[in-house]
Structures are given as structure tokens and as C-alpha cells.
């Protein structure tokens, strides 16, 4: 009888550990995905801004080049 109670307590503890580990991984997976999405959003915005600056810079260089040639 004592062995059955001990085994039942062990199974109950094992279930709690499994649920705790499962929740831990789910929460940290969600947090990791949020960080990845935030980083991706930041990089896309920075690259878009860099692209605009590059276009403005190239048009400025082109206009200066045309003025210098004339």
C-alpha cells in the first residue's frame, strides 16, 4: 500500500514537472518569436531607411556629376 502511494506521488510530481517544463518552453518560445519578429521589423525599417538615403545620395551625386560635366 505504501509503495502504491509512493508511486502515485512520484507520478503526480512527474506530471507537475512535465507541465512546468512544458509551460516554460512554451513561454520562452513565444518570447523568442516576439524578439525575432521585433528584430525583423527593426531591420526591415532600417534597411528601408538606408535604401531611401542611398537613393537620395545617388541622385545628389548624379546631379553634381552632370553639373560638373556641363
N, C-alpha and C. Protein backbone atom coordinates (compact mmCIF):
# COMPACT_ATOMS: atom_id res chain seq x y z
N UNK A 1 0.83 -1.20 0.00
CA UNK A 1 0.00 0.00 0.00
C UNK A 1 0.88 1.26 0.00
N UNK A 2 1.90 1.24 0.83
CA UNK A 2 2.80 2.40 0.91
C UNK A 2 3.52 2.61 -0.41
N UNK A 3 3.88 1.50 -1.05
CA UNK A 3 4.56 1.58 -2.34
C UNK A 3 3.66 2.19 -3.40
N UNK A 4 2.37 1.85 -3.36
CA UNK A 4 1.40 2.40 -4.31
C UNK A 4 1.26 3.91 -4.10
N UNK A 5 1.17 4.33 -2.85
CA UNK A 5 1.07 5.76 -2.55
C UNK A 5 2.33 6.50 -2.98
N UNK A 6 3.48 5.87 -2.76
CA UNK A 6 4.75 6.47 -3.16
C UNK A 6 4.83 6.59 -4.68
N UNK A 7 4.41 5.55 -5.39
CA UNK A 7 4.41 5.59 -6.85
C UNK A 7 3.42 6.63 -7.36
N UNK A 8 2.26 6.72 -6.72
CA UNK A 8 1.26 7.73 -7.11
C UNK A 8 1.79 9.14 -6.89
N UNK A 9 2.49 9.36 -5.79
CA UNK A 9 3.08 10.67 -5.53
C UNK A 9 4.17 11.00 -6.54
N UNK A 10 4.95 9.99 -6.92
CA UNK A 10 6.01 10.20 -7.91
C UNK A 10 5.40 10.55 -9.27
N UNK A 11 4.33 9.86 -9.66
CA UNK A 11 3.66 10.15 -10.93
C UNK A 11 3.08 11.56 -10.90
N UNK A 12 2.48 11.93 -9.78
CA UNK A 12 1.92 13.28 -9.64
C UNK A 12 3.03 14.33 -9.75
N UNK A 13 4.15 14.09 -9.08
CA UNK A 13 5.29 15.01 -9.15
C UNK A 13 5.84 15.09 -10.57
N UNK A 14 5.92 13.93 -11.25
CA UNK A 14 6.42 13.89 -12.61
C UNK A 14 5.50 14.68 -13.55
N UNK A 15 4.20 14.58 -13.34
CA UNK A 15 3.25 15.35 -14.15
C UNK A 15 3.43 16.85 -13.92
N UNK A 16 3.63 17.24 -12.66
CA UNK A 16 3.85 18.66 -12.36
C UNK A 16 5.13 19.16 -13.03
N UNK A 17 6.18 18.36 -12.97
CA UNK A 17 7.45 18.74 -13.60
C UNK A 17 7.26 18.85 -15.10
N UNK A 18 6.56 17.88 -15.71
CA UNK A 18 6.34 17.91 -17.15
C UNK A 18 5.54 19.15 -17.55
N UNK A 19 4.48 19.44 -16.81
CA UNK A 19 3.66 20.62 -17.12
C UNK A 19 4.47 21.89 -16.93
N UNK A 20 5.28 21.95 -15.87
CA UNK A 20 6.12 23.13 -15.63
C UNK A 20 7.14 23.34 -16.73
N UNK A 21 7.80 22.26 -17.14
CA UNK A 21 8.79 22.36 -18.22
C UNK A 21 8.10 22.73 -19.52
N UNK A 22 6.94 22.14 -19.77
CA UNK A 22 6.19 22.42 -20.99
C UNK A 22 5.79 23.89 -21.04
N UNK A 23 5.26 24.42 -19.92
CA UNK A 23 4.89 25.84 -19.87
C UNK A 23 6.12 26.73 -20.04
N UNK A 24 7.23 26.35 -19.43
CA UNK A 24 8.47 27.11 -19.54
C UNK A 24 8.89 27.23 -21.00
N UNK A 25 8.90 26.09 -21.70
CA UNK A 25 9.32 26.12 -23.10
C UNK A 25 8.33 26.87 -23.98
N UNK A 26 7.03 26.75 -23.69
CA UNK A 26 6.04 27.48 -24.48
C UNK A 26 6.22 28.98 -24.28
N UNK A 27 6.37 29.42 -23.02
CA UNK A 27 6.53 30.85 -22.75
C UNK A 27 7.80 31.40 -23.39
N UNK A 28 8.90 30.67 -23.25
CA UNK A 28 10.14 31.18 -23.82
C UNK A 28 10.18 31.07 -25.34
N UNK A 29 9.45 30.11 -25.90
CA UNK A 29 9.33 30.05 -27.36
C UNK A 29 8.54 31.25 -27.87
N UNK A 30 7.46 31.59 -27.18
CA UNK A 30 6.66 32.76 -27.57
C UNK A 30 7.50 34.03 -27.43
N UNK A 31 8.24 34.16 -26.34
CA UNK A 31 9.09 35.33 -26.15
C UNK A 31 10.17 35.41 -27.22
N UNK A 32 10.76 34.26 -27.56
CA UNK A 32 11.79 34.23 -28.59
C UNK A 32 11.20 34.64 -29.94
N UNK A 33 10.01 34.15 -30.26
CA UNK A 33 9.36 34.54 -31.52
C UNK A 33 9.06 36.03 -31.54
N UNK A 34 8.64 36.58 -30.41
CA UNK A 34 8.36 38.02 -30.34
C UNK A 34 9.64 38.82 -30.57
N UNK A 35 10.74 38.39 -29.98
CA UNK A 35 12.02 39.07 -30.17
C UNK A 35 12.46 38.98 -31.63
N UNK A 36 12.29 37.81 -32.25
CA UNK A 36 12.67 37.64 -33.65
C UNK A 36 11.83 38.54 -34.54
N UNK A 37 10.52 38.60 -34.28
CA UNK A 37 9.65 39.47 -35.09
C UNK A 37 10.00 40.94 -34.90
N UNK A 38 10.30 41.33 -33.67
CA UNK A 38 10.68 42.71 -33.41
C UNK A 38 12.00 43.06 -34.10
N UNK A 39 12.95 42.15 -34.05
CA UNK A 39 14.23 42.36 -34.73
C UNK A 39 14.04 42.43 -36.23
N UNK A 40 13.19 41.56 -36.76
CA UNK A 40 12.92 41.57 -38.20
C UNK A 40 12.27 42.89 -38.61
N UNK A 41 11.31 43.36 -37.83
CA UNK A 41 10.63 44.63 -38.12
C UNK A 41 11.64 45.78 -38.09
N UNK A 42 12.52 45.78 -37.08
CA UNK A 42 13.53 46.82 -36.95
C UNK A 42 14.49 46.81 -38.14
N UNK A 43 14.94 45.62 -38.53
CA UNK A 43 15.87 45.52 -39.66
C UNK A 43 15.22 45.95 -40.96
N UNK A 44 13.96 45.57 -41.16
CA UNK A 44 13.27 45.97 -42.39
C UNK A 44 13.13 47.48 -42.44
N UNK A 45 12.77 48.10 -41.33
CA UNK A 45 12.65 49.57 -41.30
C UNK A 45 14.00 50.24 -41.51
N UNK A 46 15.04 49.71 -40.90
CA UNK A 46 16.37 50.30 -41.08
C UNK A 46 16.85 50.15 -42.51
N UNK A 47 16.62 48.97 -43.11
CA UNK A 47 17.03 48.77 -44.49
C UNK A 47 16.25 49.66 -45.44
N UNK A 48 14.97 49.86 -45.15
CA UNK A 48 14.15 50.75 -45.98
C UNK A 48 14.68 52.19 -45.88
N UNK A 49 15.00 52.61 -44.66
CA UNK A 49 15.55 53.95 -44.46
C UNK A 49 16.91 54.07 -45.16
N UNK A 50 17.75 53.06 -45.04
CA UNK A 50 19.05 53.06 -45.69
C UNK A 50 18.89 53.13 -47.21
N UNK A 51 17.91 52.42 -47.73
CA UNK A 51 17.64 52.43 -49.17
C UNK A 51 17.23 53.83 -49.63
N UNK A 52 16.38 54.50 -48.85
CA UNK A 52 15.97 55.87 -49.20
C UNK A 52 17.18 56.81 -49.18
N UNK A 53 18.02 56.69 -48.17
CA UNK A 53 19.21 57.53 -48.08
C UNK A 53 20.14 57.25 -49.25
N UNK A 54 20.28 55.99 -49.62
CA UNK A 54 21.13 55.62 -50.75
C UNK A 54 20.60 56.22 -52.05
N UNK A 55 19.30 56.19 -52.25
CA UNK A 55 18.71 56.77 -53.46
C UNK A 55 18.93 58.29 -53.48
N UNK A 56 18.70 58.94 -52.35
CA UNK A 56 18.92 60.39 -52.29
C UNK A 56 20.39 60.72 -52.56
N UNK A 57 21.29 59.96 -51.97
CA UNK A 57 22.72 60.18 -52.15
C UNK A 57 23.12 59.98 -53.61
N UNK A 58 22.61 58.94 -54.24
CA UNK A 58 22.97 58.68 -55.64
C UNK A 58 22.41 59.76 -56.56
N UNK A 59 21.21 60.26 -56.27
CA UNK A 59 20.66 61.34 -57.10
C UNK A 59 21.46 62.62 -56.91
N UNK A 60 21.92 62.88 -55.70
CA UNK A 60 22.74 64.05 -55.44
C UNK A 60 24.07 63.95 -56.19
N UNK A 61 24.71 62.79 -56.11
CA UNK A 61 25.98 62.58 -56.81
C UNK A 61 25.77 62.70 -58.32
N UNK A 62 24.69 62.16 -58.82
CA UNK A 62 24.41 62.24 -60.25
C UNK A 62 24.20 63.69 -60.69
N UNK A 63 23.45 64.46 -59.90
CA UNK A 63 23.23 65.87 -60.28
C UNK A 63 24.54 66.66 -60.22
N UNK A 64 25.37 66.39 -59.23
CA UNK A 64 26.67 67.07 -59.15
C UNK A 64 27.56 66.67 -60.33
N UNK A 65 27.51 65.43 -60.71
CA UNK A 65 28.30 64.94 -61.83
C UNK A 65 27.85 65.61 -63.13
N UNK A 66 26.54 65.74 -63.31
CA UNK A 66 26.00 66.38 -64.52
C UNK A 66 26.41 67.85 -64.55
N UNK A 67 26.34 68.52 -63.41
CA UNK A 67 26.74 69.93 -63.36
C UNK A 67 28.24 70.08 -63.64
N UNK A 68 29.02 69.16 -63.15
CA UNK A 68 30.46 69.24 -63.34
C UNK A 68 30.83 69.02 -64.82
N UNK A 69 30.11 68.10 -65.48
CA UNK A 69 30.37 67.82 -66.90
C UNK A 69 29.99 69.02 -67.76
N UNK A 70 28.89 69.67 -67.45
CA UNK A 70 28.43 70.80 -68.27
C UNK A 70 29.32 71.96 -67.99
